[in-house]
PDB file of all heavy atoms in Angstrom:
ATOM      1  N   GLY A   1      -3.136  -3.970  26.779  1.00  0.00           N
ATOM      2  CA  GLY A   1      -3.680  -5.244  26.368  1.00  0.00           C
ATOM      3  C   GLY A   1      -3.236  -5.494  24.930  1.00  0.00           C
ATOM      4  O   GLY A   1      -2.175  -5.339  24.597  1.00  0.00           O
ATOM      5  N   GLU A   2      -4.235  -6.041  24.156  1.00  0.00           N
ATOM      6  CA  GLU A   2      -3.794  -6.540  22.884  1.00  0.00           C
ATOM      7  C   GLU A   2      -3.319  -5.357  21.939  1.00  0.00           C
ATOM      8  O   GLU A   2      -3.777  -4.121  21.980  1.00  0.00           O
ATOM      9  CB  GLU A   2      -5.298  -7.148  22.225  1.00  0.00           C
ATOM     10  CG  GLU A   2      -5.079  -7.502  20.778  1.00  0.00           C
ATOM     11  CD  GLU A   2      -6.341  -7.829  20.053  1.00  0.00           C
ATOM     12  OE1 GLU A   2      -7.390  -7.618  20.725  1.00  0.00           O
ATOM     13  OE2 GLU A   2      -6.233  -8.305  18.879  1.00  0.00           O
ATOM     14  N   ILE A   3      -2.444  -5.678  21.058  1.00  0.00           N
ATOM     15  CA  ILE A   3      -1.918  -4.738  20.012  1.00  0.00           C
ATOM     16  C   ILE A   3      -2.686  -5.125  18.678  1.00  0.00           C
ATOM     17  O   ILE A   3      -2.446  -6.203  18.141  1.00  0.00           O
ATOM     18  CB  ILE A   3      -0.400  -4.885  19.761  1.00  0.00           C
ATOM     19  CG1 ILE A   3       0.320  -4.707  21.042  1.00  0.00           C
ATOM     20  CG2 ILE A   3       0.050  -3.980  18.654  1.00  0.00           C
ATOM     21  CD1 ILE A   3       1.827  -4.924  20.877  1.00  0.00           C
ATOM     22  N   LYS A   4      -3.580  -4.280  18.372  1.00  0.00           N
ATOM     23  CA  LYS A   4      -4.345  -4.510  17.165  1.00  0.00           C
ATOM     24  C   LYS A   4      -3.494  -4.458  15.909  1.00  0.00           C
ATOM     25  O   LYS A   4      -2.520  -3.676  15.795  1.00  0.00           O
ATOM     26  CB  LYS A   4      -5.518  -3.426  17.094  1.00  0.00           C
ATOM     27  CG  LYS A   4      -6.657  -3.730  18.171  1.00  0.00           C
ATOM     28  CD  LYS A   4      -7.737  -2.789  17.928  1.00  0.00           C
ATOM     29  CE  LYS A   4      -8.791  -2.957  18.949  1.00  0.00           C
ATOM     30  NZ  LYS A   4      -9.996  -1.938  18.750  1.00  0.00           N
ATOM     31  N   ASN A   5      -3.841  -5.250  14.886  1.00  0.00           N
ATOM     32  CA  ASN A   5      -3.085  -5.382  13.516  1.00  0.00           C
ATOM     33  C   ASN A   5      -1.639  -5.699  13.807  1.00  0.00           C
ATOM     34  O   ASN A   5      -0.798  -5.298  12.862  1.00  0.00           O
ATOM     35  CB  ASN A   5      -3.255  -3.966  12.874  1.00  0.00           C
ATOM     36  CG  ASN A   5      -4.685  -3.610  12.593  1.00  0.00           C
ATOM     37  OD1 ASN A   5      -5.553  -4.351  12.323  1.00  0.00           O
ATOM     38  ND2 ASN A   5      -5.077  -2.344  12.931  1.00  0.00           N
ATOM     39  N   LEU A   6      -1.367  -6.381  14.724  1.00  0.00           N
ATOM     40  CA  LEU A   6       0.056  -6.824  15.033  1.00  0.00           C
ATOM     41  C   LEU A   6       0.748  -7.611  13.839  1.00  0.00           C
ATOM     42  O   LEU A   6       1.883  -7.527  13.418  1.00  0.00           O
ATOM     43  CB  LEU A   6       0.174  -7.666  16.268  1.00  0.00           C
ATOM     44  CG  LEU A   6       1.636  -8.048  16.763  1.00  0.00           C
ATOM     45  CD1 LEU A   6       2.503  -6.801  16.981  1.00  0.00           C
ATOM     46  CD2 LEU A   6       1.553  -8.799  18.033  1.00  0.00           C
ATOM     47  N   ASP A   7      -0.170  -8.360  13.118  1.00  0.00           N
ATOM     48  CA  ASP A   7       0.307  -9.219  11.967  1.00  0.00           C
ATOM     49  C   ASP A   7       0.824  -8.272  10.935  1.00  0.00           C
ATOM     50  O   ASP A   7       1.684  -8.742  10.057  1.00  0.00           O
ATOM     51  CB  ASP A   7      -0.746 -10.012  11.429  1.00  0.00           C
ATOM     52  CG  ASP A   7      -2.044  -9.232  10.991  1.00  0.00           C
ATOM     53  OD1 ASP A   7      -2.396  -8.343  11.713  1.00  0.00           O
ATOM     54  OD2 ASP A   7      -2.598  -9.567   9.947  1.00  0.00           O
ATOM     55  N   LEU A   8       0.365  -6.984  10.769  1.00  0.00           N
ATOM     56  CA  LEU A   8       0.825  -6.056   9.932  1.00  0.00           C
ATOM     57  C   LEU A   8       2.074  -5.186  10.524  1.00  0.00           C
ATOM     58  O   LEU A   8       2.946  -4.792   9.896  1.00  0.00           O
ATOM     59  CB  LEU A   8      -0.224  -5.170   9.322  1.00  0.00           C
ATOM     60  CG  LEU A   8      -1.473  -5.855   8.596  1.00  0.00           C
ATOM     61  CD1 LEU A   8      -2.547  -4.878   8.344  1.00  0.00           C
ATOM     62  CD2 LEU A   8      -1.020  -6.498   7.307  1.00  0.00           C
ATOM     63  N   ILE A   9       1.766  -4.782  11.779  1.00  0.00           N
ATOM     64  CA  ILE A   9       2.706  -3.806  12.398  1.00  0.00           C
ATOM     65  C   ILE A   9       4.126  -4.420  12.642  1.00  0.00           C
ATOM     66  O   ILE A   9       5.087  -3.613  12.240  1.00  0.00           O
ATOM     67  CB  ILE A   9       2.183  -3.356  13.643  1.00  0.00           C
ATOM     68  CG1 ILE A   9       0.902  -2.551  13.541  1.00  0.00           C
ATOM     69  CG2 ILE A   9       3.244  -2.579  14.499  1.00  0.00           C
ATOM     70  CD1 ILE A   9       0.244  -2.268  14.780  1.00  0.00           C
ATOM     71  N   LYS A  10       4.190  -5.707  13.039  1.00  0.00           N
ATOM     72  CA  LYS A  10       5.448  -6.425  13.340  1.00  0.00           C
ATOM     73  C   LYS A  10       6.324  -6.423  12.147  1.00  0.00           C
ATOM     74  O   LYS A  10       7.500  -5.951  12.091  1.00  0.00           O
ATOM     75  CB  LYS A  10       5.183  -7.699  13.979  1.00  0.00           C
ATOM     76  CG  LYS A  10       6.455  -8.378  14.639  1.00  0.00           C
ATOM     77  CD  LYS A  10       6.013  -9.531  15.410  1.00  0.00           C
ATOM     78  CE  LYS A  10       7.311 -10.202  15.856  1.00  0.00           C
ATOM     79  NZ  LYS A  10       6.868 -11.526  16.739  1.00  0.00           N
ATOM     80  N   PRO A  11       5.781  -7.063  10.987  1.00  0.00           N
ATOM     81  CA  PRO A  11       6.775  -7.090   9.850  1.00  0.00           C
ATOM     82  C   PRO A  11       7.044  -5.712   9.243  1.00  0.00           C
ATOM     83  O   PRO A  11       8.157  -5.401   8.745  1.00  0.00           O
ATOM     84  CB  PRO A  11       6.018  -7.888   8.890  1.00  0.00           C
ATOM     85  CG  PRO A  11       4.602  -7.923   9.293  1.00  0.00           C
ATOM     86  CD  PRO A  11       4.646  -7.705  10.757  1.00  0.00           C
ATOM     87  N   LEU A  12       6.170  -4.876   9.312  1.00  0.00           N
ATOM     88  CA  LEU A  12       6.441  -3.410   8.815  1.00  0.00           C
ATOM     89  C   LEU A  12       7.415  -2.633   9.581  1.00  0.00           C
ATOM     90  O   LEU A  12       8.278  -1.939   9.097  1.00  0.00           O
ATOM     91  CB  LEU A  12       5.119  -2.591   8.645  1.00  0.00           C
ATOM     92  CG  LEU A  12       5.016  -1.263   8.095  1.00  0.00           C
ATOM     93  CD1 LEU A  12       5.838  -1.291   6.645  1.00  0.00           C
ATOM     94  CD2 LEU A  12       3.601  -0.765   7.867  1.00  0.00           C
ATOM     95  N   HIS A  13       7.365  -2.864  10.922  1.00  0.00           N
ATOM     96  CA  HIS A  13       8.370  -2.267  11.874  1.00  0.00           C
ATOM     97  C   HIS A  13       9.655  -2.814  11.471  1.00  0.00           C
ATOM     98  O   HIS A  13      10.659  -1.950  11.297  1.00  0.00           O
ATOM     99  CB  HIS A  13       7.991  -2.528  13.221  1.00  0.00           C
ATOM    100  CG  HIS A  13       9.012  -2.119  14.245  1.00  0.00           C
ATOM    101  ND1 HIS A  13      10.054  -2.850  14.890  1.00  0.00           N
ATOM    102  CD2 HIS A  13       9.201  -0.918  14.692  1.00  0.00           C
ATOM    103  CE1 HIS A  13      10.720  -2.228  15.612  1.00  0.00           C
ATOM    104  NE2 HIS A  13      10.291  -1.004  15.685  1.00  0.00           N
ATOM    105  N   ALA A  14       9.891  -4.023  11.205  1.00  0.00           N
ATOM    106  CA  ALA A  14      11.058  -4.611  10.894  1.00  0.00           C
ATOM    107  C   ALA A  14      11.550  -4.230   9.454  1.00  0.00           C
ATOM    108  O   ALA A  14      12.806  -3.806   9.309  1.00  0.00           O
ATOM    109  CB  ALA A  14      10.968  -6.138  10.891  1.00  0.00           C
ATOM    110  N   ALA A  15      10.673  -3.992   8.568  1.00  0.00           N
ATOM    111  CA  ALA A  15      11.077  -3.580   7.180  1.00  0.00           C
ATOM    112  C   ALA A  15      11.549  -2.238   7.227  1.00  0.00           C
ATOM    113  O   ALA A  15      12.563  -1.915   6.620  1.00  0.00           O
ATOM    114  CB  ALA A  15       9.860  -3.708   6.190  1.00  0.00           C
ATOM    115  N   LEU A  16      10.945  -1.364   8.034  1.00  0.00           N
ATOM    116  CA  LEU A  16      11.321   0.034   8.129  1.00  0.00           C
ATOM    117  C   LEU A  16      12.823   0.190   8.928  1.00  0.00           C
ATOM    118  O   LEU A  16      13.572   0.912   8.584  1.00  0.00           O
ATOM    119  CB  LEU A  16      10.347   1.053   8.838  1.00  0.00           C
ATOM    120  CG  LEU A  16       9.014   1.149   8.011  1.00  0.00           C
ATOM    121  CD1 LEU A  16       8.008   1.891   8.923  1.00  0.00           C
ATOM    122  CD2 LEU A  16       9.367   2.043   6.657  1.00  0.00           C
ATOM    123  N   ALA A  17      12.900  -0.685   9.809  1.00  0.00           N
ATOM    124  CA  ALA A  17      14.218  -0.697  10.495  1.00  0.00           C
ATOM    125  C   ALA A  17      15.323  -1.134   9.599  1.00  0.00           C
ATOM    126  O   ALA A  17      16.501  -0.778   9.776  1.00  0.00           O
ATOM    127  CB  ALA A  17      14.112  -1.608  11.676  1.00  0.00           C
ATOM    128  N   ASP A  18      15.004  -1.973   8.720  1.00  0.00           N
ATOM    129  CA  ASP A  18      16.111  -2.548   7.746  1.00  0.00           C
ATOM    130  C   ASP A  18      16.280  -1.477   6.524  1.00  0.00           C
ATOM    131  O   ASP A  18      17.053  -1.642   5.749  1.00  0.00           O
ATOM    132  CB  ASP A  18      15.551  -3.820   7.003  1.00  0.00           C
ATOM    133  CG  ASP A  18      15.656  -4.989   8.027  1.00  0.00           C
ATOM    134  OD1 ASP A  18      16.524  -4.874   9.059  1.00  0.00           O
ATOM    135  OD2 ASP A  18      14.991  -6.008   7.768  1.00  0.00           O
ATOM    136  N   ARG A  19      15.360  -0.409   6.444  1.00  0.00           N
ATOM    137  CA  ARG A  19      15.520   0.571   5.426  1.00  0.00           C
ATOM    138  C   ARG A  19      15.688   1.981   5.998  1.00  0.00           C
ATOM    139  O   ARG A  19      14.740   2.835   5.945  1.00  0.00           O
ATOM    140  CB  ARG A  19      14.251   0.521   4.458  1.00  0.00           C
ATOM    141  CG  ARG A  19      13.964  -0.897   3.765  1.00  0.00           C
ATOM    142  CD  ARG A  19      14.977  -1.113   2.696  1.00  0.00           C
ATOM    143  NE  ARG A  19      14.888  -0.018   1.696  1.00  0.00           N
ATOM    144  CZ  ARG A  19      13.991  -0.107   0.839  1.00  0.00           C
ATOM    145  NH1 ARG A  19      13.075  -1.111   0.660  1.00  0.00           N
ATOM    146  NH2 ARG A  19      13.943   0.847  -0.208  1.00  0.00           N
ATOM    147  N   PRO A  20      16.763   2.208   6.564  1.00  0.00           N
ATOM    148  CA  PRO A  20      16.907   3.603   7.268  1.00  0.00           C
ATOM    149  C   PRO A  20      16.965   4.744   6.281  1.00  0.00           C
ATOM    150  O   PRO A  20      16.835   5.868   6.740  1.00  0.00           O
ATOM    151  CB  PRO A  20      18.293   3.492   7.947  1.00  0.00           C
ATOM    152  CG  PRO A  20      19.067   2.427   7.229  1.00  0.00           C
ATOM    153  CD  PRO A  20      18.129   1.387   6.770  1.00  0.00           C
ATOM    154  N   GLU A  21      17.031   4.404   4.969  1.00  0.00           N
ATOM    155  CA  GLU A  21      17.016   5.472   3.933  1.00  0.00           C
ATOM    156  C   GLU A  21      15.577   5.990   3.669  1.00  0.00           C
ATOM    157  O   GLU A  21      15.253   6.930   3.151  1.00  0.00           O
ATOM    158  CB  GLU A  21      17.475   4.939   2.597  1.00  0.00           C
ATOM    159  CG  GLU A  21      16.808   4.037   1.911  1.00  0.00           C
ATOM    160  CD  GLU A  21      16.909   2.511   2.303  1.00  0.00           C
ATOM    161  OE1 GLU A  21      17.427   2.342   3.370  1.00  0.00           O
ATOM    162  OE2 GLU A  21      16.645   1.665   1.504  1.00  0.00           O
ATOM    163  N   LEU A  22      14.428   5.217   4.453  1.00  0.00           N
ATOM    164  CA  LEU A  22      13.090   5.578   4.186  1.00  0.00           C
ATOM    165  C   LEU A  22      12.676   6.377   5.444  1.00  0.00           C
ATOM    166  O   LEU A  22      12.957   5.892   6.531  1.00  0.00           O
ATOM    167  CB  LEU A  22      12.338   4.353   3.913  1.00  0.00           C
ATOM    168  CG  LEU A  22      12.588   3.451   2.797  1.00  0.00           C
ATOM    169  CD1 LEU A  22      11.661   2.208   2.708  1.00  0.00           C
ATOM    170  CD2 LEU A  22      12.422   4.380   1.490  1.00  0.00           C
ATOM    171  N   ARG A  23      11.952   7.351   5.204  1.00  0.00           N
ATOM    172  CA  ARG A  23      11.458   8.254   6.318  1.00  0.00           C
ATOM    173  C   ARG A  23       9.885   8.148   6.184  1.00  0.00           C
ATOM    174  O   ARG A  23       9.348   8.536   5.125  1.00  0.00           O
ATOM    175  CB  ARG A  23      11.968   9.499   6.243  1.00  0.00           C
ATOM    176  CG  ARG A  23      11.567  10.387   7.480  1.00  0.00           C
ATOM    177  CD  ARG A  23      12.125  11.859   7.232  1.00  0.00           C
ATOM    178  NE  ARG A  23      11.611  12.570   6.160  1.00  0.00           N
ATOM    179  CZ  ARG A  23      12.049  13.792   5.780  1.00  0.00           C
ATOM    180  NH1 ARG A  23      12.916  14.507   6.533  1.00  0.00           N
ATOM    181  NH2 ARG A  23      11.655  14.356   4.682  1.00  0.00           N
ATOM    182  N   LEU A  24       9.222   7.938   7.372  1.00  0.00           N
ATOM    183  CA  LEU A  24       7.774   7.969   7.354  1.00  0.00           C
ATOM    184  C   LEU A  24       7.277   9.316   7.962  1.00  0.00           C
ATOM    185  O   LEU A  24       7.651   9.793   8.892  1.00  0.00           O
ATOM    186  CB  LEU A  24       7.180   6.853   8.141  1.00  0.00           C
ATOM    187  CG  LEU A  24       5.614   6.652   8.293  1.00  0.00           C
ATOM    188  CD1 LEU A  24       5.107   6.374   6.944  1.00  0.00           C
ATOM    189  CD2 LEU A  24       5.264   5.561   9.226  1.00  0.00           C
ATOM    190  N   GLU A  25       6.335  10.086   7.106  1.00  0.00           N
ATOM    191  CA  GLU A  25       5.912  11.336   7.539  1.00  0.00           C
ATOM    192  C   GLU A  25       4.414  11.515   7.369  1.00  0.00           C
ATOM    193  O   GLU A  25       3.837  10.876   6.408  1.00  0.00           O
ATOM    194  CB  GLU A  25       6.555  12.534   6.685  1.00  0.00           C
ATOM    195  CG  GLU A  25       8.065  12.550   6.864  1.00  0.00           C
ATOM    196  CD  GLU A  25       8.484  13.268   8.239  1.00  0.00           C
ATOM    197  OE1 GLU A  25       7.528  13.822   8.820  1.00  0.00           O
ATOM    198  OE2 GLU A  25       9.670  13.093   8.562  1.00  0.00           O
ATOM    199  N   TRP A  26       3.874  12.314   8.245  1.00  0.00           N
ATOM    200  CA  TRP A  26       2.370  12.562   8.152  1.00  0.00           C
ATOM    201  C   TRP A  26       2.092  13.810   7.142  1.00  0.00           C
ATOM    202  O   TRP A  26       2.880  14.674   7.057  1.00  0.00           O
ATOM    203  CB  TRP A  26       1.778  12.844   9.531  1.00  0.00           C
ATOM    204  CG  TRP A  26       0.370  13.243   9.512  1.00  0.00           C
ATOM    205  CD1 TRP A  26      -0.782  12.374   9.442  1.00  0.00           C
ATOM    206  CD2 TRP A  26      -0.260  14.619   9.482  1.00  0.00           C
ATOM    207  NE1 TRP A  26      -1.884  12.954   9.377  1.00  0.00           N
ATOM    208  CE2 TRP A  26      -1.628  14.437   9.371  1.00  0.00           C
ATOM    209  CE3 TRP A  26       0.316  15.837   9.420  1.00  0.00           C
ATOM    210  CZ2 TRP A  26      -2.542  15.499   9.433  1.00  0.00           C
ATOM    211  CZ3 TRP A  26      -0.589  16.927   9.378  1.00  0.00           C
ATOM    212  CH2 TRP A  26      -1.969  16.687   9.407  1.00  0.00           C
ATOM    213  N   ILE A  27       0.965  13.615   6.347  1.00  0.00           N
ATOM    214  CA  ILE A  27       0.584  14.709   5.449  1.00  0.00           C
ATOM    215  C   ILE A  27      -0.999  14.887   5.793  1.00  0.00           C
ATOM    216  O   ILE A  27      -1.688  13.924   5.773  1.00  0.00           O
ATOM    217  CB  ILE A  27       0.971  14.486   3.978  1.00  0.00           C
ATOM    218  CG1 ILE A  27       0.747  15.694   3.100  1.00  0.00           C
ATOM    219  CG2 ILE A  27       0.220  13.247   3.546  1.00  0.00           C
ATOM    220  CD1 ILE A  27       1.253  15.428   1.752  1.00  0.00           C
ATOM    221  N   ALA A  28      -1.441  16.181   5.664  1.00  0.00           N
ATOM    222  CA  ALA A  28      -2.843  16.341   5.940  1.00  0.00           C
ATOM    223  C   ALA A  28      -3.701  15.771   4.844  1.00  0.00           C
ATOM    224  O   ALA A  28      -3.418  15.917   3.666  1.00  0.00           O
ATOM    225  CB  ALA A  28      -3.019  17.849   6.044  1.00  0.00           C
ATOM    226  N   ALA A  29      -4.752  15.202   5.244  1.00  0.00           N
ATOM    227  CA  ALA A  29      -5.810  14.645   4.261  1.00  0.00           C
ATOM    228  C   ALA A  29      -6.568  15.646   3.665  1.00  0.00           C
ATOM    229  O   ALA A  29      -7.030  16.686   4.375  1.00  0.00           O
ATOM    230  CB  ALA A  29      -6.567  13.528   5.031  1.00  0.00           C
ATOM    231  N   HIS A  30      -7.015  15.587   2.472  1.00  0.00           N
ATOM    232  CA  HIS A  30      -8.038  16.279   1.763  1.00  0.00           C
ATOM    233  C   HIS A  30      -7.710  17.815   1.879  1.00  0.00           C
ATOM    234  O   HIS A  30      -8.542  18.619   2.159  1.00  0.00           O
ATOM    235  CB  HIS A  30      -9.388  16.021   2.200  1.00  0.00           C
ATOM    236  CG  HIS A  30      -9.784  14.546   2.090  1.00  0.00           C
ATOM    237  ND1 HIS A  30     -10.080  14.103   0.877  1.00  0.00           N
ATOM    238  CD2 HIS A  30      -9.907  13.679   2.996  1.00  0.00           C
ATOM    239  CE1 HIS A  30     -10.342  12.767   1.002  1.00  0.00           C
ATOM    240  NE2 HIS A  30     -10.252  12.503   2.208  1.00  0.00           N
ATOM    241  N   SER A  31      -6.399  18.135   1.764  1.00  0.00           N
ATOM    242  CA  SER A  31      -5.993  19.588   1.833  1.00  0.00           C
ATOM    243  C   SER A  31      -5.421  20.050   0.454  1.00  0.00           C
ATOM    244  O   SER A  31      -4.684  20.998   0.401  1.00  0.00           O
ATOM    245  CB  SER A  31      -4.895  19.664   2.872  1.00  0.00           C
ATOM    246  OG  SER A  31      -5.408  19.409   4.171  1.00  0.00           O
ATOM    247  N   GLY A  32      -5.808  19.381  -0.463  1.00  0.00           N
ATOM    248  CA  GLY A  32      -5.395  19.780  -1.865  1.00  0.00           C
ATOM    249  C   GLY A  32      -3.838  19.298  -2.341  1.00  0.00           C
ATOM    250  O   GLY A  32      -3.365  19.769  -3.303  1.00  0.00           O
ATOM    251  N   ASN A  33      -3.308  18.479  -1.592  1.00  0.00           N
ATOM    252  CA  ASN A  33      -1.896  17.998  -1.880  1.00  0.00           C
ATOM    253  C   ASN A  33      -2.074  16.911  -3.020  1.00  0.00           C
ATOM    254  O   ASN A  33      -2.753  15.919  -2.860  1.00  0.00           O
ATOM    255  CB  ASN A  33      -1.263  17.410  -0.709  1.00  0.00           C
ATOM    256  CG  ASN A  33      -0.902  18.384   0.318  1.00  0.00           C
ATOM    257  OD1 ASN A  33      -0.186  19.281   0.081  1.00  0.00           O
ATOM    258  ND2 ASN A  33      -1.465  18.091   1.602  1.00  0.00           N
ATOM    259  N   ARG A  34      -1.536  17.323  -4.169  1.00  0.00           N
ATOM    260  CA  ARG A  34      -1.771  16.453  -5.404  1.00  0.00           C
ATOM    261  C   ARG A  34      -1.629  14.939  -5.196  1.00  0.00           C
ATOM    262  O   ARG A  34      -2.546  14.196  -5.505  1.00  0.00           O
ATOM    263  CB  ARG A  34      -0.950  16.977  -6.474  1.00  0.00           C
ATOM    264  CG  ARG A  34      -1.264  16.331  -7.864  1.00  0.00           C
ATOM    265  CD  ARG A  34      -0.349  16.734  -8.930  1.00  0.00           C
ATOM    266  NE  ARG A  34      -1.046  16.836 -10.183  1.00  0.00           N
ATOM    267  CZ  ARG A  34      -0.355  16.954 -11.369  1.00  0.00           C
ATOM    268  NH1 ARG A  34       0.963  17.262 -11.393  1.00  0.00           N
ATOM    269  NH2 ARG A  34      -1.032  16.941 -12.473  1.00  0.00           N
ATOM    270  N   TRP A  35      -0.511  14.608  -4.700  1.00  0.00           N
ATOM    271  CA  TRP A  35      -0.275  13.189  -4.710  1.00  0.00           C
ATOM    272  C   TRP A  35      -0.882  12.481  -3.445  1.00  0.00           C
ATOM    273  O   TRP A  35      -1.067  11.262  -3.598  1.00  0.00           O
ATOM    274  CB  TRP A  35       1.278  12.859  -4.646  1.00  0.00           C
ATOM    275  CG  TRP A  35       1.803  13.386  -6.031  1.00  0.00           C
ATOM    276  CD1 TRP A  35       2.696  14.602  -6.135  1.00  0.00           C
ATOM    277  CD2 TRP A  35       1.534  12.930  -7.306  1.00  0.00           C
ATOM    278  NE1 TRP A  35       2.815  14.697  -7.566  1.00  0.00           N
ATOM    279  CE2 TRP A  35       2.257  13.591  -8.163  1.00  0.00           C
ATOM    280  CE3 TRP A  35       0.899  11.875  -7.785  1.00  0.00           C
ATOM    281  CZ2 TRP A  35       2.211  13.599  -9.542  1.00  0.00           C
ATOM    282  CZ3 TRP A  35       0.797  11.682  -9.154  1.00  0.00           C
ATOM    283  CH2 TRP A  35       1.451  12.433 -10.098  1.00  0.00           C
ATOM    284  N   ASN A  36      -1.299  13.212  -2.403  1.00  0.00           N
ATOM    285  CA  ASN A  36      -2.039  12.572  -1.391  1.00  0.00           C
ATOM    286  C   ASN A  36      -3.450  12.290  -1.868  1.00  0.00           C
ATOM    287  O   ASN A  36      -4.113  11.241  -1.635  1.00  0.00           O
ATOM    288  CB  ASN A  36      -2.101  13.537  -0.153  1.00  0.00           C
ATOM    289  CG  ASN A  36      -3.071  12.953   0.938  1.00  0.00           C
ATOM    290  OD1 ASN A  36      -4.238  13.633   0.937  1.00  0.00           O
ATOM    291  ND2 ASN A  36      -2.745  11.947   1.641  1.00  0.00           N
ATOM    292  N   GLU A  37      -4.136  13.292  -2.703  1.00  0.00           N
ATOM    293  CA  GLU A  37      -5.276  13.058  -3.385  1.00  0.00           C
ATOM    294  C   GLU A  37      -5.249  11.904  -4.261  1.00  0.00           C
ATOM    295  O   GLU A  37      -6.322  11.198  -4.417  1.00  0.00           O
ATOM    296  CB  GLU A  37      -5.739  14.336  -4.011  1.00  0.00           C
ATOM    297  CG  GLU A  37      -5.771  15.503  -3.110  1.00  0.00           C
ATOM    298  CD  GLU A  37      -7.083  15.478  -2.250  1.00  0.00           C
ATOM    299  OE1 GLU A  37      -7.950  14.695  -2.310  1.00  0.00           O
ATOM    300  OE2 GLU A  37      -7.200  16.514  -1.359  1.00  0.00           O
ATOM    301  N   TYR A  38      -4.094  11.835  -5.102  1.00  0.00           N
ATOM    302  CA  TYR A  38      -4.060  10.757  -5.950  1.00  0.00           C
ATOM    303  C   TYR A  38      -4.042   9.275  -5.224  1.00  0.00           C
ATOM    304  O   TYR A  38      -4.621   8.419  -5.626  1.00  0.00           O
ATOM    305  CB  TYR A  38      -2.667  10.880  -6.730  1.00  0.00           C
ATOM    306  CG  TYR A  38      -2.573   9.943  -7.955  1.00  0.00           C
ATOM    307  CD1 TYR A  38      -2.893  10.548  -9.205  1.00  0.00           C
ATOM    308  CD2 TYR A  38      -2.085   8.523  -7.768  1.00  0.00           C
ATOM    309  CE1 TYR A  38      -2.639   9.728 -10.415  1.00  0.00           C
ATOM    310  CE2 TYR A  38      -1.966   7.890  -8.920  1.00  0.00           C
ATOM    311  CZ  TYR A  38      -2.244   8.347 -10.145  1.00  0.00           C
ATOM    312  OH  TYR A  38      -1.982   7.530 -11.271  1.00  0.00           O
ATOM    313  N   ALA A  39      -3.294   9.247  -4.089  1.00  0.00           N
ATOM    314  CA  ALA A  39      -3.353   8.006  -3.369  1.00  0.00           C
ATOM    315  C   ALA A  39      -4.622   7.712  -2.886  1.00  0.00           C
ATOM    316  O   ALA A  39      -5.096   6.610  -2.825  1.00  0.00           O
ATOM    317  CB  ALA A  39      -2.264   8.042  -2.133  1.00  0.00           C
ATOM    318  N   ASP A  40      -5.349   8.855  -2.413  1.00  0.00           N
ATOM    319  CA  ASP A  40      -6.711   8.679  -1.965  1.00  0.00           C
ATOM    320  C   ASP A  40      -7.570   8.073  -3.047  1.00  0.00           C
ATOM    321  O   ASP A  40      -8.351   7.118  -2.843  1.00  0.00           O
ATOM    322  CB  ASP A  40      -7.380   9.956  -1.586  1.00  0.00           C
ATOM    323  CG  ASP A  40      -8.720   9.923  -1.166  1.00  0.00           C
ATOM    324  OD1 ASP A  40      -9.687  10.065  -1.982  1.00  0.00           O
ATOM    325  OD2 ASP A  40      -9.075   9.835   0.027  1.00  0.00           O
ATOM    326  N   SER A  41      -7.423   8.598  -4.332  1.00  0.00           N
ATOM    327  CA  SER A  41      -8.085   8.039  -5.384  1.00  0.00           C
ATOM    328  C   SER A  41      -7.756   6.561  -5.606  1.00  0.00           C
ATOM    329  O   SER A  41      -8.791   5.744  -6.005  1.00  0.00           O
ATOM    330  CB  SER A  41      -7.757   8.832  -6.547  1.00  0.00           C
ATOM    331  OG  SER A  41      -8.646   8.414  -7.835  1.00  0.00           O
ATOM    332  N   LEU A  42      -6.611   6.201  -5.542  1.00  0.00           N
ATOM    333  CA  LEU A  42      -6.201   4.798  -5.700  1.00  0.00           C
ATOM    334  C   LEU A  42      -6.910   3.931  -4.672  1.00  0.00           C
ATOM    335  O   LEU A  42      -7.354   2.729  -4.856  1.00  0.00           O
ATOM    336  CB  LEU A  42      -4.737   4.616  -5.646  1.00  0.00           C
ATOM    337  CG  LEU A  42      -3.872   5.081  -6.687  1.00  0.00           C
ATOM    338  CD1 LEU A  42      -2.357   4.825  -6.361  1.00  0.00           C
ATOM    339  CD2 LEU A  42      -4.225   4.418  -8.083  1.00  0.00           C
ATOM    340  N   SER A  43      -6.973   4.326  -3.427  1.00  0.00           N
ATOM    341  CA  SER A  43      -7.601   3.556  -2.399  1.00  0.00           C
ATOM    342  C   SER A  43      -9.020   3.425  -2.435  1.00  0.00           C
ATOM    343  O   SER A  43      -9.605   2.437  -1.807  1.00  0.00           O
ATOM    344  CB  SER A  43      -7.168   4.249  -0.994  1.00  0.00           C
ATOM    345  OG  SER A  43      -8.158   5.336  -0.759  1.00  0.00           O
TER     346      SER A  43
END
């Protein structure tokens, strides 16, 4: 059925396809990783 948040997913998918030098990776939340915690604080 519906793809939720398609208005964000579609342009972001295209942007990442145009930027093969960028790699998207998962990092564990609230595990003491300094810059993940920093991004959490910004959010």
